[in-house]
Amino acid sequence: MEETAIFAGGCFWCMVKPFDQMPGIKKVVSGYTGGHVVNPTYQEVTTGTTGHTEAVEITFDSEVISYTELVEIYWQQTDPTDAFGQFADRGDSYRPVIFYNSPEQQAAAERSKTKLQTSGRFDQPIVTKIEPAQPFYPAEEYHQDYYKKNKLHYAAYREGSGRAGFLRKKWK
């Protein structure tokens, strides 16, 4: 059965590849959600005045990969103890959020967050928000599949932002 999931975890460039390569994933789209401007542009979102958060919308076959599995992959791409951005990217447009599309997704996300909090992996509270999905607007084409189109820049950005080192340290 085809479903969608929406996750925000800092720069959307770094949120595509981990999902894109999993069985059961039909597509991963970079975009914006949670704001008050219809169909915002990247330039508008970066001003911080639209209220949007960079996110990815994942279309998946729930008979191949579950929503719960996607949430587990999500945690391993973020610093869930940082509510004010992710790594070098700071501000509301980079905040970590799991946007749910149904009560079932909300419950799965809440269970997973509780499990992570009690795991002892982090010594600070898990502050990632879990919020109802809002309209999702695809980003400009040059942002789509960035890790494929701009391999060297993507790799340098992922390392330089601090994301790659943090993920290696915390998730091995």
Protein backbone atom coordinates (compact mmCIF):
# COMPACT_ATOMS: atom_id res chain seq x y z
CA MET A 1 0.00 0.00 0.00
CA GLU A 2 1.39 3.41 -0.98
CA GLU A 3 1.83 5.95 1.83
CA THR A 4 3.78 9.14 2.43
CA ALA A 5 6.00 10.25 5.28
CA ILE A 6 7.40 13.74 5.87
CA PHE A 7 10.58 14.29 7.86
CA ALA A 8 12.59 17.44 8.57
CA GLY A 9 16.16 17.03 9.75
CA GLY A 10 18.17 20.05 8.73
CA CYS A 11 19.27 20.57 5.16
CA PHE A 12 17.04 18.47 2.93
CA TRP A 13 19.99 17.53 0.71
CA CYS A 14 21.27 15.26 3.47
CA MET A 15 17.88 13.68 4.17
CA VAL A 16 17.29 12.18 0.71
CA LYS A 17 20.04 9.59 0.23
CA PRO A 18 19.44 7.49 3.38
CA PHE A 19 15.82 6.88 2.37
CA ASP A 20 16.25 6.87 -1.41
CA GLN A 21 18.33 3.72 -1.33
CA MET A 22 15.95 1.58 0.77
CA PRO A 23 13.72 -1.16 -0.67
CA GLY A 24 10.10 -0.08 -0.90
CA ILE A 25 10.87 3.61 -1.41
CA LYS A 26 9.13 4.92 -4.52
CA LYS A 27 10.43 8.51 -4.37
CA VAL A 28 11.94 11.09 -2.06
CA VAL A 29 11.21 14.75 -2.76
CA SER A 30 12.98 17.71 -1.14
CA GLY A 31 10.70 20.57 -0.22
CA TYR A 32 9.15 22.89 2.32
CA THR A 33 6.36 22.44 4.84
CA GLY A 34 4.83 24.00 7.91
CA GLY A 35 4.70 27.61 6.78
CA HIS A 36 2.10 30.20 5.87
CA VAL A 37 3.13 31.06 2.28
CA VAL A 38 1.72 29.04 -0.60
CA ASN A 39 4.37 27.45 -2.84
CA PRO A 40 7.41 29.25 -1.37
CA THR A 41 10.75 29.50 -3.11
CA TYR A 42 14.09 28.59 -1.58
CA GLN A 43 14.99 32.30 -1.50
CA GLU A 44 11.79 33.07 0.45
CA VAL A 45 12.27 30.20 2.91
CA THR A 46 15.88 31.20 3.65
CA THR A 47 14.70 34.64 4.81
CA GLY A 48 13.00 32.93 7.76
CA THR A 49 9.78 34.83 7.16
CA THR A 50 7.61 32.10 5.60
CA GLY A 51 7.54 29.74 8.59
CA HIS A 52 8.56 26.77 6.45
CA THR A 53 10.92 23.96 7.38
CA GLU A 54 13.09 22.14 4.85
CA ALA A 55 11.84 18.55 4.70
CA VAL A 56 11.59 15.45 2.57
CA GLU A 57 8.39 13.77 1.48
CA ILE A 58 8.85 10.04 1.07
CA THR A 59 6.45 7.91 -0.93
CA PHE A 60 6.79 4.29 0.13
CA ASP A 61 5.19 0.88 -0.15
CA SER A 62 4.17 0.00 3.43
CA GLU A 63 4.06 -3.68 2.52
CA VAL A 64 7.83 -3.55 1.84
CA ILE A 65 9.03 -1.01 4.43
CA SER A 66 7.01 0.15 7.41
CA TYR A 67 6.55 3.67 8.67
CA THR A 68 8.20 2.58 11.92
CA GLU A 69 11.28 1.50 9.96
CA LEU A 70 11.36 4.90 8.25
CA VAL A 71 11.25 6.66 11.62
CA GLU A 72 14.20 4.54 12.80
CA ILE A 73 16.16 5.58 9.69
CA TYR A 74 15.16 9.20 10.35
CA TRP A 75 16.60 9.25 13.88
CA GLN A 76 19.93 8.01 12.53
CA GLN A 77 20.22 11.06 10.23
CA THR A 78 19.71 13.75 12.87
CA ASP A 79 20.77 15.12 16.23
CA PRO A 80 17.45 14.69 18.03
CA THR A 81 18.71 16.72 21.00
CA ASP A 82 19.02 19.96 18.98
CA ALA A 83 15.74 21.81 18.49
CA PHE A 84 17.27 24.91 16.89
CA GLY A 85 18.58 23.46 13.64
CA GLN A 86 20.83 20.63 12.63
CA PHE A 87 24.60 20.75 12.63
CA ALA A 88 25.87 23.86 10.77
CA ASP A 89 22.33 24.77 9.66
CA ARG A 90 20.62 26.92 12.27
CA GLY A 91 17.12 28.32 12.63
CA ASP A 92 13.50 27.27 12.29
CA SER A 93 13.81 26.30 8.65
CA TYR A 94 16.23 23.54 9.72
CA ARG A 95 14.46 22.29 12.86
CA PRO A 96 13.99 18.53 13.30
CA VAL A 97 10.35 17.45 12.97
CA ILE A 98 8.45 14.28 12.22
CA PHE A 99 5.27 15.34 10.42
CA TYR A 100 2.57 12.67 10.68
CA ASN A 101 -0.19 11.99 8.16
CA SER A 102 -2.42 9.80 10.34
CA PRO A 103 -3.07 8.85 13.97
CA GLU A 104 -1.18 5.61 13.28
CA GLN A 105 1.90 7.52 12.11
CA GLN A 106 1.67 9.81 15.13
CA ALA A 107 1.51 6.84 17.52
CA ALA A 108 4.44 5.11 15.80
CA ALA A 109 6.54 8.28 15.95
CA GLU A 110 5.71 8.86 19.63
CA ARG A 111 6.57 5.24 20.52
CA SER A 112 9.86 5.51 18.66
CA LYS A 113 10.75 8.81 20.33
CA THR A 114 10.07 7.31 23.77
CA LYS A 115 12.17 4.26 22.91
CA LEU A 116 15.06 6.49 21.80
CA GLN A 117 14.79 8.67 24.93
CA THR A 118 14.95 5.66 27.24
CA SER A 119 17.72 3.91 25.27
CA GLY A 120 20.51 5.83 26.96
CA ARG A 121 22.09 6.67 23.58
CA PHE A 122 21.76 10.40 24.33
CA ASP A 123 22.33 12.08 27.68
CA GLN A 124 20.14 15.05 26.75
CA PRO A 125 16.38 15.05 26.12
CA ILE A 126 15.06 14.12 22.68
CA VAL A 127 13.52 17.40 21.51
CA THR A 128 12.48 16.54 17.95
CA LYS A 129 8.88 17.68 17.47
CA ILE A 130 6.10 15.42 16.22
CA GLU A 131 3.49 17.53 14.43
CA PRO A 132 0.57 17.05 12.05
CA ALA A 133 1.53 17.20 8.37
CA GLN A 134 0.87 20.45 6.58
CA PRO A 135 0.92 21.21 2.85
CA PHE A 136 4.21 20.10 1.33
CA TYR A 137 5.73 22.10 -1.52
CA PRO A 138 8.48 20.54 -3.65
CA ALA A 139 11.69 22.54 -3.78
CA GLU A 140 13.20 23.76 -7.02
CA GLU A 141 14.53 21.11 -9.39
CA TYR A 142 18.19 21.85 -8.64
CA HIS A 143 17.58 20.72 -5.02
CA GLN A 144 16.12 17.35 -6.05
CA ASP A 145 18.47 14.35 -5.81
CA TYR A 146 21.29 16.72 -4.93
CA TYR A 147 23.51 13.89 -3.72
CA LYS A 148 23.40 12.36 -7.21
CA LYS A 149 23.77 15.58 -9.22
CA ASN A 150 26.52 17.17 -7.13
CA LYS A 151 28.41 14.27 -5.55
CA LEU A 152 31.56 16.13 -4.52
CA HIS A 153 29.77 19.18 -3.11
CA TYR A 154 27.28 16.96 -1.30
CA ALA A 155 30.05 14.89 0.30
CA ALA A 156 31.99 18.00 1.32
CA TYR A 157 28.87 19.64 2.74
CA ARG A 158 27.88 16.53 4.71
CA GLU A 159 31.36 16.36 6.28
CA GLY A 160 31.87 20.10 6.69
CA SER A 161 28.51 20.68 8.36
CA GLY A 162 29.40 18.26 11.15
CA ARG A 163 26.59 15.85 10.25
CA ALA A 164 28.74 12.96 9.03
CA GLY A 165 31.05 13.02 12.05
CA PHE A 166 28.17 13.21 14.52
CA LEU A 167 26.35 10.30 12.85
CA ARG A 168 29.51 8.17 12.85
CA LYS A 169 30.04 8.90 16.55
CA LYS A 170 26.45 8.40 17.72
CA TRP A 171 25.15 5.71 15.37
CA LYS A 172 28.31 3.86 14.23
